[in-house]
């Protein structure tokens, strides 16, 4: 019988240990349940926030797509403007090249015809000097014929000043001016 008592005591201890284990397990499970309930509430809040973020992200994505389409449309329109500006730039460049060619051609022609131009200037100075002398002679003749009819006794001192004044100081063509071909001022 001894064994039987030990066996009853062992069964009682085992039952008591099992009861303590069940109580401890129940306490742990209640604690875990409380934590899981708290986690579930938190996840519900996070789920609502994620849904809000998802809606906002979707709206933002749609707006970004519309903006990208708008930018592409405006970029296509701007490409035509850029092409036009490039065409204007090419036209200006071509115009500059044409002006350079014309300027170089004029410069070359002037340098080739420099002697002829100098001769033309010299001859034009001579022609102007001759024309001036001719006009003075015409004035002198008119003044002389007008004054001689009025008074035959008066000399050249009574004639108008234009009649007695010569075109140049030496009363001949200014050789320096003719030779230089550039000074056409009267002395």
N, C-alpha and C. Protein backbone atom coordinates (compact mmCIF):
# COMPACT_ATOMS: atom_id res chain seq x y z
N UNK A 1 0.72 -1.14 0.00
CA UNK A 1 0.00 0.00 0.00
C UNK A 1 0.79 1.24 0.00
N UNK A 2 1.73 1.12 0.34
CA UNK A 2 2.57 2.28 0.27
C UNK A 2 2.67 2.81 -1.16
N UNK A 3 2.67 1.88 -1.92
CA UNK A 3 2.81 2.30 -3.30
C UNK A 3 1.52 2.95 -3.77
N UNK A 4 0.54 2.55 -3.25
CA UNK A 4 -0.72 3.10 -3.68
C UNK A 4 -0.87 4.53 -3.18
N UNK A 5 -0.44 4.83 -2.05
CA UNK A 5 -0.51 6.18 -1.51
C UNK A 5 0.44 7.07 -2.31
N UNK A 6 1.55 6.58 -2.58
CA UNK A 6 2.52 7.37 -3.35
C UNK A 6 1.90 7.64 -4.73
N UNK A 7 1.23 6.64 -5.20
CA UNK A 7 0.64 6.81 -6.50
C UNK A 7 -0.48 7.83 -6.41
N UNK A 8 -1.27 7.83 -5.33
CA UNK A 8 -2.32 8.84 -5.18
C UNK A 8 -1.72 10.23 -4.99
N UNK A 9 -0.68 10.28 -4.23
CA UNK A 9 -0.03 11.58 -4.00
C UNK A 9 0.57 12.07 -5.32
N UNK A 10 1.16 11.19 -6.06
CA UNK A 10 1.76 11.58 -7.33
C UNK A 10 0.66 12.04 -8.29
N UNK A 11 -0.47 11.33 -8.25
CA UNK A 11 -1.57 11.73 -9.13
C UNK A 11 -2.11 13.07 -8.68
N UNK A 12 -2.21 13.30 -7.38
CA UNK A 12 -2.67 14.58 -6.86
C UNK A 12 -1.71 15.71 -7.22
N UNK A 13 -0.42 15.47 -7.08
CA UNK A 13 0.58 16.49 -7.42
C UNK A 13 0.50 16.78 -8.92
N UNK A 14 0.33 15.74 -9.70
CA UNK A 14 0.25 15.93 -11.15
C UNK A 14 -1.00 16.73 -11.49
N UNK A 15 -2.12 16.42 -10.79
CA UNK A 15 -3.35 17.15 -11.06
C UNK A 15 -3.18 18.61 -10.64
N UNK A 16 -2.53 18.79 -9.46
CA UNK A 16 -2.31 20.15 -8.98
C UNK A 16 -1.38 20.92 -9.95
N UNK A 17 -0.37 20.26 -10.46
CA UNK A 17 0.56 20.89 -11.41
C UNK A 17 -0.17 21.21 -12.70
N UNK A 18 -1.02 20.29 -13.08
CA UNK A 18 -1.77 20.54 -14.31
C UNK A 18 -2.73 21.71 -14.12
N UNK A 19 -3.32 21.82 -12.91
CA UNK A 19 -4.21 22.94 -12.62
C UNK A 19 -3.43 24.25 -12.62
N UNK A 20 -2.27 24.26 -12.02
CA UNK A 20 -1.44 25.48 -11.98
C UNK A 20 -1.01 25.84 -13.40
N UNK A 21 -0.66 24.82 -14.15
CA UNK A 21 -0.26 25.05 -15.53
C UNK A 21 -1.43 25.62 -16.34
N UNK A 22 -2.61 25.10 -16.13
CA UNK A 22 -3.79 25.59 -16.85
C UNK A 22 -4.10 27.03 -16.46
N UNK A 23 -3.98 27.34 -15.15
CA UNK A 23 -4.24 28.71 -14.70
C UNK A 23 -3.19 29.65 -15.29
N UNK A 24 -1.93 29.25 -15.25
CA UNK A 24 -0.86 30.10 -15.80
C UNK A 24 -1.07 30.29 -17.30
N UNK A 25 -1.46 29.20 -17.94
CA UNK A 25 -1.69 29.29 -19.37
C UNK A 25 -2.89 30.20 -19.65
N UNK A 26 -3.90 30.14 -18.82
CA UNK A 26 -5.08 31.01 -18.99
C UNK A 26 -4.69 32.46 -18.78
N UNK A 27 -3.84 32.75 -17.80
CA UNK A 27 -3.40 34.14 -17.56
C UNK A 27 -2.60 34.64 -18.77
N UNK A 28 -1.71 33.82 -19.26
CA UNK A 28 -0.89 34.21 -20.41
C UNK A 28 -1.79 34.41 -21.62
N UNK A 29 -2.74 33.51 -21.81
CA UNK A 29 -3.64 33.64 -22.97
C UNK A 29 -4.51 34.89 -22.85
N UNK A 30 -4.98 35.22 -21.64
CA UNK A 30 -5.75 36.46 -21.48
C UNK A 30 -4.87 37.67 -21.78
N UNK A 31 -3.63 37.63 -21.35
CA UNK A 31 -2.70 38.73 -21.63
C UNK A 31 -2.44 38.83 -23.13
N UNK A 32 -2.25 37.71 -23.77
CA UNK A 32 -2.01 37.70 -25.21
C UNK A 32 -3.27 38.18 -25.94
N UNK A 33 -4.45 37.75 -25.46
CA UNK A 33 -5.70 38.19 -26.08
C UNK A 33 -5.84 39.71 -25.98
N UNK A 34 -5.50 40.24 -24.80
CA UNK A 34 -5.58 41.70 -24.62
C UNK A 34 -4.63 42.40 -25.59
N UNK A 35 -3.40 41.87 -25.73
CA UNK A 35 -2.43 42.46 -26.66
C UNK A 35 -2.91 42.33 -28.11
N UNK A 36 -3.48 41.19 -28.44
CA UNK A 36 -3.97 40.98 -29.79
C UNK A 36 -5.15 41.90 -30.09
N UNK A 37 -6.03 42.12 -29.10
CA UNK A 37 -7.12 43.06 -29.29
C UNK A 37 -6.57 44.47 -29.54
N UNK A 38 -5.58 44.85 -28.76
CA UNK A 38 -4.95 46.16 -28.94
C UNK A 38 -4.31 46.26 -30.34
N UNK A 39 -3.60 45.20 -30.76
CA UNK A 39 -2.98 45.16 -32.09
C UNK A 39 -4.05 45.23 -33.16
N UNK A 40 -5.18 44.55 -32.95
CA UNK A 40 -6.27 44.56 -33.93
C UNK A 40 -6.84 45.98 -34.07
N UNK A 41 -7.03 46.67 -32.93
CA UNK A 41 -7.52 48.05 -33.01
C UNK A 41 -6.51 48.94 -33.75
N UNK A 42 -5.25 48.75 -33.44
CA UNK A 42 -4.20 49.55 -34.12
C UNK A 42 -4.20 49.26 -35.61
N UNK A 43 -4.33 47.99 -35.96
CA UNK A 43 -4.35 47.63 -37.38
C UNK A 43 -5.59 48.19 -38.08
N UNK A 44 -6.70 48.26 -37.38
CA UNK A 44 -7.89 48.88 -37.96
C UNK A 44 -7.62 50.36 -38.27
N UNK A 45 -6.98 51.04 -37.34
CA UNK A 45 -6.63 52.45 -37.57
C UNK A 45 -5.64 52.60 -38.72
N UNK A 46 -4.66 51.71 -38.75
CA UNK A 46 -3.66 51.75 -39.82
C UNK A 46 -4.33 51.44 -41.15
N UNK A 47 -5.27 50.49 -41.14
CA UNK A 47 -5.97 50.14 -42.37
C UNK A 47 -6.74 51.34 -42.92
N UNK A 48 -7.39 52.08 -42.04
CA UNK A 48 -8.10 53.29 -42.46
C UNK A 48 -7.13 54.32 -43.03
N UNK A 49 -6.01 54.49 -42.36
CA UNK A 49 -5.01 55.44 -42.86
C UNK A 49 -4.44 54.97 -44.20
N UNK A 50 -4.20 53.68 -44.33
CA UNK A 50 -3.67 53.15 -45.60
C UNK A 50 -4.68 53.35 -46.71
N UNK A 51 -5.97 53.17 -46.41
CA UNK A 51 -7.00 53.41 -47.43
C UNK A 51 -7.01 54.89 -47.84
N UNK A 52 -6.86 55.78 -46.85
CA UNK A 52 -6.79 57.22 -47.17
C UNK A 52 -5.56 57.54 -48.01
N UNK A 53 -4.44 56.96 -47.63
CA UNK A 53 -3.21 57.18 -48.40
C UNK A 53 -3.35 56.60 -49.80
N UNK A 54 -4.01 55.44 -49.89
CA UNK A 54 -4.20 54.82 -51.20
C UNK A 54 -5.07 55.72 -52.09
N UNK A 55 -6.15 56.27 -51.52
CA UNK A 55 -6.99 57.18 -52.30
C UNK A 55 -6.21 58.40 -52.74
N UNK A 56 -5.48 59.00 -51.82
CA UNK A 56 -4.68 60.19 -52.15
C UNK A 56 -3.61 59.86 -53.19
N UNK A 57 -2.98 58.69 -53.05
CA UNK A 57 -1.96 58.28 -54.01
C UNK A 57 -2.57 58.07 -55.39
N UNK A 58 -3.77 57.49 -55.42
CA UNK A 58 -4.45 57.28 -56.69
C UNK A 58 -4.79 58.63 -57.33
N UNK A 59 -5.34 59.55 -56.52
CA UNK A 59 -5.65 60.88 -57.04
C UNK A 59 -4.38 61.58 -57.54
N UNK A 60 -3.32 61.48 -56.76
CA UNK A 60 -2.06 62.09 -57.15
C UNK A 60 -1.52 61.47 -58.43
N UNK A 61 -1.66 60.17 -58.58
CA UNK A 61 -1.21 59.49 -59.78
C UNK A 61 -2.02 59.95 -61.00
N UNK A 62 -3.35 60.10 -60.83
CA UNK A 62 -4.18 60.60 -61.93
C UNK A 62 -3.79 62.03 -62.31
N UNK A 63 -3.57 62.86 -61.29
CA UNK A 63 -3.15 64.24 -61.57
C UNK A 63 -1.79 64.27 -62.26
N UNK A 64 -0.89 63.40 -61.82
CA UNK A 64 0.44 63.34 -62.44
C UNK A 64 0.32 62.91 -63.90
N UNK A 65 -0.57 61.95 -64.17
CA UNK A 65 -0.77 61.51 -65.56
C UNK A 65 -1.35 62.64 -66.41
N UNK A 66 -2.32 63.38 -65.88
CA UNK A 66 -2.88 64.51 -66.62
C UNK A 66 -1.82 65.58 -66.85
N UNK A 67 -1.02 65.84 -65.81
CA UNK A 67 0.04 66.83 -65.95
C UNK A 67 1.07 66.38 -66.98
N UNK A 68 1.41 65.10 -66.97
CA UNK A 68 2.37 64.59 -67.96
C UNK A 68 1.81 64.73 -69.37
N UNK A 69 0.50 64.44 -69.55
CA UNK A 69 -0.12 64.60 -70.86
C UNK A 69 -0.11 66.06 -71.28
N UNK A 70 -0.42 66.95 -70.34
CA UNK A 70 -0.42 68.38 -70.62
C UNK A 70 0.98 68.85 -71.01
N UNK A 71 1.98 68.38 -70.26
CA UNK A 71 3.36 68.77 -70.56
C UNK A 71 3.76 68.24 -71.94
N UNK A 72 3.35 67.03 -72.28
CA UNK A 72 3.67 66.49 -73.59
C UNK A 72 3.00 67.30 -74.70
N UNK A 73 1.73 67.68 -74.48
CA UNK A 73 1.04 68.50 -75.47
C UNK A 73 1.71 69.84 -75.64
N UNK A 74 2.05 70.48 -74.54
CA UNK A 74 2.70 71.79 -74.62
C UNK A 74 4.10 71.65 -75.19
N UNK A 75 4.77 70.56 -74.89
CA UNK A 75 6.10 70.32 -75.45
C UNK A 75 6.02 70.17 -76.96
N UNK A 76 4.99 69.47 -77.43
CA UNK A 76 4.81 69.33 -78.88
C UNK A 76 4.57 70.69 -79.51
N UNK A 77 3.73 71.52 -78.86
CA UNK A 77 3.48 72.86 -79.39
C UNK A 77 4.75 73.70 -79.33
N UNK A 78 5.51 73.55 -78.26
CA UNK A 78 6.75 74.31 -78.11
C UNK A 78 7.79 73.88 -79.14
N UNK A 79 7.75 72.62 -79.54
CA UNK A 79 8.70 72.15 -80.55
C UNK A 79 8.52 72.92 -81.85
N UNK A 80 7.27 73.22 -82.22
CA UNK A 80 7.06 73.99 -83.44
C UNK A 80 7.62 75.40 -83.29
N UNK A 81 7.48 75.97 -82.09
CA UNK A 81 8.04 77.31 -81.85
C UNK A 81 9.56 77.26 -81.92
N UNK A 82 10.14 76.22 -81.33
CA UNK A 82 11.60 76.08 -81.36
C UNK A 82 12.07 75.89 -82.79
N UNK A 83 11.32 75.10 -83.57
CA UNK A 83 11.68 74.92 -84.98
C UNK A 83 11.61 76.24 -85.73
N UNK A 84 10.56 77.03 -85.44
CA UNK A 84 10.44 78.34 -86.09
C UNK A 84 11.60 79.25 -85.72
N UNK A 85 11.95 79.26 -84.44
CA UNK A 85 13.07 80.09 -83.99
C UNK A 85 14.37 79.62 -84.63
N UNK A 86 14.52 78.32 -84.76
CA UNK A 86 15.71 77.79 -85.41
C UNK A 86 15.75 78.23 -86.87
N UNK A 87 14.58 78.23 -87.52
CA UNK A 87 14.51 78.71 -88.90
C UNK A 87 14.88 80.17 -89.00
N UNK A 88 14.40 80.97 -88.05
CA UNK A 88 14.76 82.40 -88.03
C UNK A 88 16.26 82.55 -87.83
N UNK A 89 16.82 81.76 -86.93
CA UNK A 89 18.27 81.81 -86.70
C UNK A 89 19.04 81.45 -87.96
N UNK A 90 18.55 80.42 -88.68
CA UNK A 90 19.22 80.04 -89.94
C UNK A 90 19.10 81.16 -90.96
N UNK A 91 17.92 81.80 -91.01
CA UNK A 91 17.73 82.92 -91.96
C UNK A 91 18.67 84.08 -91.63
N UNK A 92 18.78 84.41 -90.34
CA UNK A 92 19.68 85.49 -89.93
C UNK A 92 21.12 85.14 -90.27
N UNK A 93 21.48 83.88 -90.05
CA UNK A 93 22.84 83.45 -90.38
C UNK A 93 23.10 83.57 -91.87
N UNK A 94 22.12 83.14 -92.67
CA UNK A 94 22.26 83.26 -94.13
C UNK A 94 22.35 84.73 -94.54
N UNK A 95 21.52 85.58 -93.91
CA UNK A 95 21.57 87.01 -94.21
C UNK A 95 22.94 87.59 -93.85
N UNK A 96 23.48 87.19 -92.69
CA UNK A 96 24.81 87.68 -92.30
C UNK A 96 25.87 87.25 -93.31
N UNK A 97 25.76 86.00 -93.77
CA UNK A 97 26.73 85.52 -94.76
C UNK A 97 26.60 86.32 -96.06
N UNK A 98 25.35 86.61 -96.47
CA UNK A 98 25.13 87.39 -97.69
C UNK A 98 25.70 88.80 -97.54
N UNK A 99 25.44 89.43 -96.38
CA UNK A 99 25.98 90.77 -96.13
C UNK A 99 27.50 90.74 -96.14
N UNK A 100 28.09 89.69 -95.55
CA UNK A 100 29.55 89.58 -95.57
C UNK A 100 30.07 89.45 -97.01
N UNK A 101 29.39 88.63 -97.81
CA UNK A 101 29.83 88.47 -99.21
C UNK A 101 29.71 89.78 -99.96
N UNK A 102 28.60 90.50 -99.78
CA UNK A 102 28.41 91.78 -100.48
C UNK A 102 29.47 92.78 -100.02
N UNK A 103 29.71 92.85 -98.70
CA UNK A 103 30.71 93.77 -98.17
C UNK A 103 32.10 93.44 -98.72
N UNK A 104 32.44 92.16 -98.72
CA UNK A 104 33.74 91.76 -99.26
C UNK A 104 33.83 92.08 -100.74
N UNK A 105 32.74 91.87 -101.48
CA UNK A 105 32.73 92.18 -102.91
C UNK A 105 32.92 93.67 -103.14
N UNK A 106 32.19 94.49 -102.35
CA UNK A 106 32.32 95.95 -102.51
C UNK A 106 33.74 96.39 -102.17
N UNK A 107 34.28 95.86 -101.07
CA UNK A 107 35.65 96.22 -100.68
C UNK A 107 36.64 95.81 -101.76
N UNK A 108 36.47 94.62 -102.30
CA UNK A 108 37.37 94.16 -103.36
C UNK A 108 37.25 95.04 -104.60
N UNK A 109 36.01 95.36 -105.00
CA UNK A 109 35.81 96.20 -106.18
C UNK A 109 36.38 97.61 -105.97
N UNK A 110 36.19 98.14 -104.77
CA UNK A 110 36.75 99.47 -104.50
C UNK A 110 38.26 99.43 -104.56
N UNK A 111 38.87 98.38 -103.98
CA UNK A 111 40.33 98.31 -104.02
C UNK A 111 40.83 98.09 -105.44
N UNK A 112 40.07 97.36 -106.28
CA UNK A 112 40.46 97.15 -107.67
C UNK A 112 40.31 98.44 -108.49
N UNK A 113 39.31 99.24 -108.16
CA UNK A 113 39.02 100.45 -108.94
C UNK A 113 39.47 101.72 -108.23
N UNK A 114 40.38 101.60 -107.30
CA UNK A 114 40.81 102.75 -106.51
C UNK A 114 41.43 103.84 -107.39
N UNK A 115 42.22 103.43 -108.35
CA UNK A 115 42.87 104.43 -109.22
C UNK A 115 41.82 105.13 -110.08
N UNK A 116 40.85 104.36 -110.58
CA UNK A 116 39.80 104.96 -111.40
C UNK A 116 38.97 105.93 -110.57
N UNK A 117 38.66 105.55 -109.33
CA UNK A 117 37.89 106.43 -108.45
C UNK A 117 38.66 107.72 -108.19
N UNK A 118 39.96 107.59 -107.97
CA UNK A 118 40.80 108.77 -107.74
C UNK A 118 40.78 109.68 -108.96
N UNK A 119 40.84 109.09 -110.16
CA UNK A 119 40.80 109.90 -111.38
C UNK A 119 39.45 110.59 -111.53
N UNK A 120 38.36 109.87 -111.20
CA UNK A 120 37.03 110.47 -111.30
C UNK A 120 36.93 111.66 -110.36
N UNK A 121 37.46 111.51 -109.14
CA UNK A 121 37.41 112.61 -108.17
C UNK A 121 38.23 113.78 -108.68
N UNK A 122 39.39 113.50 -109.24
CA UNK A 122 40.24 114.58 -109.77
C UNK A 122 39.54 115.32 -110.91
N UNK A 123 38.94 114.56 -111.82
CA UNK A 123 38.27 115.19 -112.96
C UNK A 123 37.03 115.96 -112.51
N UNK A 124 36.34 115.44 -111.49
CA UNK A 124 35.17 116.18 -111.00
C UNK A 124 35.61 117.48 -110.34
N UNK A 125 36.74 117.47 -109.64
CA UNK A 125 37.27 118.72 -109.06
C UNK A 125 37.63 119.72 -110.15
N UNK A 126 38.25 119.23 -111.21
CA UNK A 126 38.61 120.10 -112.33
C UNK A 126 37.35 120.68 -112.95
N UNK A 127 36.33 119.81 -113.15
CA UNK A 127 35.08 120.27 -113.77
C UNK A 127 34.40 121.31 -112.89
N UNK A 128 34.40 121.13 -111.57
CA UNK A 128 33.79 122.10 -110.67
C UNK A 128 34.55 123.42 -110.71
N UNK A 129 35.86 123.37 -110.78
CA UNK A 129 36.67 124.58 -110.84
C UNK A 129 36.40 125.34 -112.13
N UNK A 130 36.29 124.60 -113.23
CA UNK A 130 36.00 125.24 -114.52
C UNK A 130 34.60 125.85 -114.48
N UNK A 131 33.63 125.13 -113.88
CA UNK A 131 32.26 125.66 -113.80
C UNK A 131 32.24 126.92 -112.95
N UNK A 132 32.98 126.92 -111.84
CA UNK A 132 33.04 128.13 -111.00
C UNK A 132 33.63 129.31 -111.78
N UNK A 133 34.69 129.07 -112.51
CA UNK A 133 35.32 130.14 -113.29
C UNK A 133 34.37 130.65 -114.36
N UNK A 134 33.64 129.71 -114.97
CA UNK A 134 32.69 130.09 -116.01
C UNK A 134 31.59 130.97 -115.43
N UNK A 135 31.06 130.60 -114.25
CA UNK A 135 30.03 131.40 -113.61
C UNK A 135 30.57 132.79 -113.25
N UNK A 136 31.77 132.86 -112.73
CA UNK A 136 32.36 134.15 -112.38
C UNK A 136 32.55 135.00 -113.64
N UNK A 137 32.96 134.39 -114.72
CA UNK A 137 33.16 135.14 -115.95
C UNK A 137 31.82 135.67 -116.46
N UNK A 138 30.76 134.84 -116.32
CA UNK A 138 29.43 135.28 -116.74
C UNK A 138 28.98 136.46 -115.88
N UNK A 139 29.18 136.38 -114.58
CA UNK A 139 28.82 137.49 -113.69
C UNK A 139 29.62 138.74 -114.03
N UNK A 140 30.91 138.56 -114.29
CA UNK A 140 31.78 139.69 -114.59
C UNK A 140 31.32 140.36 -115.88
N UNK A 141 31.00 139.53 -116.87
CA UNK A 141 30.54 140.09 -118.15
C UNK A 141 29.23 140.83 -117.97
N UNK A 142 28.29 140.27 -117.21
CA UNK A 142 27.01 140.94 -116.99
C UNK A 142 27.21 142.25 -116.22
N UNK A 143 28.04 142.18 -115.18
CA UNK A 143 28.28 143.38 -114.38
C UNK A 143 29.02 144.43 -115.21
N UNK A 144 29.95 144.02 -116.04
CA UNK A 144 30.73 144.94 -116.84
C UNK A 144 29.86 145.59 -117.91
N UNK A 145 29.06 144.79 -118.58
CA UNK A 145 28.20 145.36 -119.62
C UNK A 145 27.15 146.28 -119.01
N UNK A 146 26.66 145.94 -117.81
CA UNK A 146 25.67 146.80 -117.15
C UNK A 146 26.29 148.10 -116.69
N UNK A 147 27.51 148.09 -116.19
CA UNK A 147 28.17 149.28 -115.68
C UNK A 147 28.73 150.13 -116.82
N UNK A 148 29.17 149.55 -117.88
CA UNK A 148 29.73 150.33 -118.97
C UNK A 148 28.66 151.09 -119.70
N UNK A 149 27.46 150.59 -119.72
CA UNK A 149 26.39 151.32 -120.36
C UNK A 149 26.00 152.52 -119.51
N UNK A 150 26.06 152.38 -118.18
CA UNK A 150 25.66 153.48 -117.30
C UNK A 150 26.71 154.59 -117.33
N UNK A 151 27.97 154.21 -117.33
CA UNK A 151 29.00 155.24 -117.27
C UNK A 151 30.23 154.75 -118.00
N UNK A 152 30.62 155.40 -119.08
CA UNK A 152 31.76 155.00 -119.86
C UNK A 152 33.06 155.47 -119.23
N UNK A 153 33.02 156.48 -118.39
CA UNK A 153 34.24 157.04 -117.83
C UNK A 153 34.78 156.25 -116.65
N UNK A 154 33.94 155.50 -115.96
CA UNK A 154 34.41 154.84 -114.74
C UNK A 154 35.29 153.67 -115.10
N UNK A 155 36.23 153.39 -114.25
CA UNK A 155 37.16 152.28 -114.45
C UNK A 155 36.69 151.03 -113.71
N UNK A 156 37.58 150.10 -113.62
CA UNK A 156 37.23 148.82 -112.98
C UNK A 156 37.05 148.95 -111.49
N UNK A 157 37.50 150.08 -110.90
CA UNK A 157 37.32 150.23 -109.46
C UNK A 157 35.87 150.46 -109.09
N UNK A 158 35.01 150.90 -110.02
CA UNK A 158 33.60 151.12 -109.73
C UNK A 158 32.75 149.87 -109.98
N UNK A 159 33.36 148.82 -110.51
CA UNK A 159 32.62 147.58 -110.77
C UNK A 159 32.31 146.88 -109.45
N UNK A 160 31.30 146.05 -109.42
CA UNK A 160 31.01 145.32 -108.18
C UNK A 160 32.19 144.44 -107.78
N UNK A 161 32.21 144.12 -106.52
CA UNK A 161 33.34 143.36 -105.97
C UNK A 161 33.46 141.99 -106.61
N UNK A 162 32.33 141.32 -106.96
CA UNK A 162 32.37 139.99 -107.56
C UNK A 162 33.11 140.00 -108.89
N UNK A 163 33.04 141.10 -109.58
CA UNK A 163 33.67 141.18 -110.89
C UNK A 163 35.18 141.19 -110.74
N UNK A 164 35.70 141.93 -109.77
CA UNK A 164 37.14 142.07 -109.59
C UNK A 164 37.76 140.90 -108.84
N UNK A 165 36.95 140.12 -108.12
CA UNK A 165 37.51 139.02 -107.32
C UNK A 165 37.63 137.79 -108.20
N UNK A 166 38.74 137.13 -108.13
CA UNK A 166 38.94 135.92 -108.92
C UNK A 166 38.50 134.71 -108.11
N UNK A 167 38.39 133.60 -108.77
CA UNK A 167 37.93 132.37 -108.12
C UNK A 167 38.96 131.87 -107.15
N UNK A 168 40.20 131.85 -107.53
CA UNK A 168 41.25 131.43 -106.61
C UNK A 168 42.24 132.58 -106.46
N UNK A 169 43.10 132.49 -105.51
CA UNK A 169 44.00 133.60 -105.21
C UNK A 169 45.01 133.84 -106.33
N UNK A 170 45.42 132.74 -106.98
CA UNK A 170 46.40 132.91 -108.05
C UNK A 170 45.74 133.11 -109.40
N UNK A 171 44.39 133.12 -109.45
CA UNK A 171 43.62 133.32 -110.65
C UNK A 171 43.89 132.23 -111.68
N UNK A 172 44.16 131.03 -111.21
CA UNK A 172 44.27 129.87 -112.09
C UNK A 172 43.82 128.63 -111.31
N UNK A 173 43.78 127.50 -111.96
CA UNK A 173 43.32 126.27 -111.30
C UNK A 173 44.29 125.88 -110.19
N UNK A 174 43.75 125.44 -109.13
CA UNK A 174 44.57 125.02 -107.98
C UNK A 174 45.15 123.64 -108.28
N UNK A 175 46.43 123.62 -108.64
CA UNK A 175 47.06 122.37 -109.06
C UNK A 175 47.13 121.35 -107.93
N UNK A 176 47.36 121.83 -106.70
CA UNK A 176 47.43 120.89 -105.57
C UNK A 176 46.10 120.17 -105.38
N UNK A 177 44.99 120.92 -105.48
CA UNK A 177 43.68 120.30 -105.30
C UNK A 177 43.39 119.32 -106.42
N UNK A 178 43.74 119.63 -107.60
CA UNK A 178 43.48 118.74 -108.73
C UNK A 178 44.31 117.47 -108.59
N UNK A 179 45.58 117.61 -108.25
CA UNK A 179 46.44 116.45 -108.11
C UNK A 179 46.04 115.55 -106.95
N UNK A 180 45.62 116.17 -105.87
CA UNK A 180 45.22 115.38 -104.69
C UNK A 180 43.92 114.64 -104.97
N UNK A 181 42.99 115.25 -105.64
CA UNK A 181 41.73 114.62 -106.01
C UNK A 181 40.77 114.45 -104.86
N UNK A 182 41.09 114.99 -103.69
CA UNK A 182 40.19 114.80 -102.55
C UNK A 182 39.77 116.12 -101.92
N UNK A 183 40.45 117.19 -102.13
CA UNK A 183 40.12 118.46 -101.48
C UNK A 183 39.33 119.29 -102.49
N UNK A 184 38.04 119.46 -102.26
CA UNK A 184 37.24 120.24 -103.20
C UNK A 184 36.71 121.51 -102.57
N UNK A 185 37.34 121.97 -101.50
CA UNK A 185 36.92 123.24 -100.88
C UNK A 185 37.53 124.39 -101.67
N UNK A 186 36.83 125.51 -101.70
CA UNK A 186 37.28 126.68 -102.45
C UNK A 186 38.16 127.55 -101.57
N UNK A 187 39.14 128.22 -102.18
CA UNK A 187 40.01 129.11 -101.42
C UNK A 187 39.48 130.49 -101.42
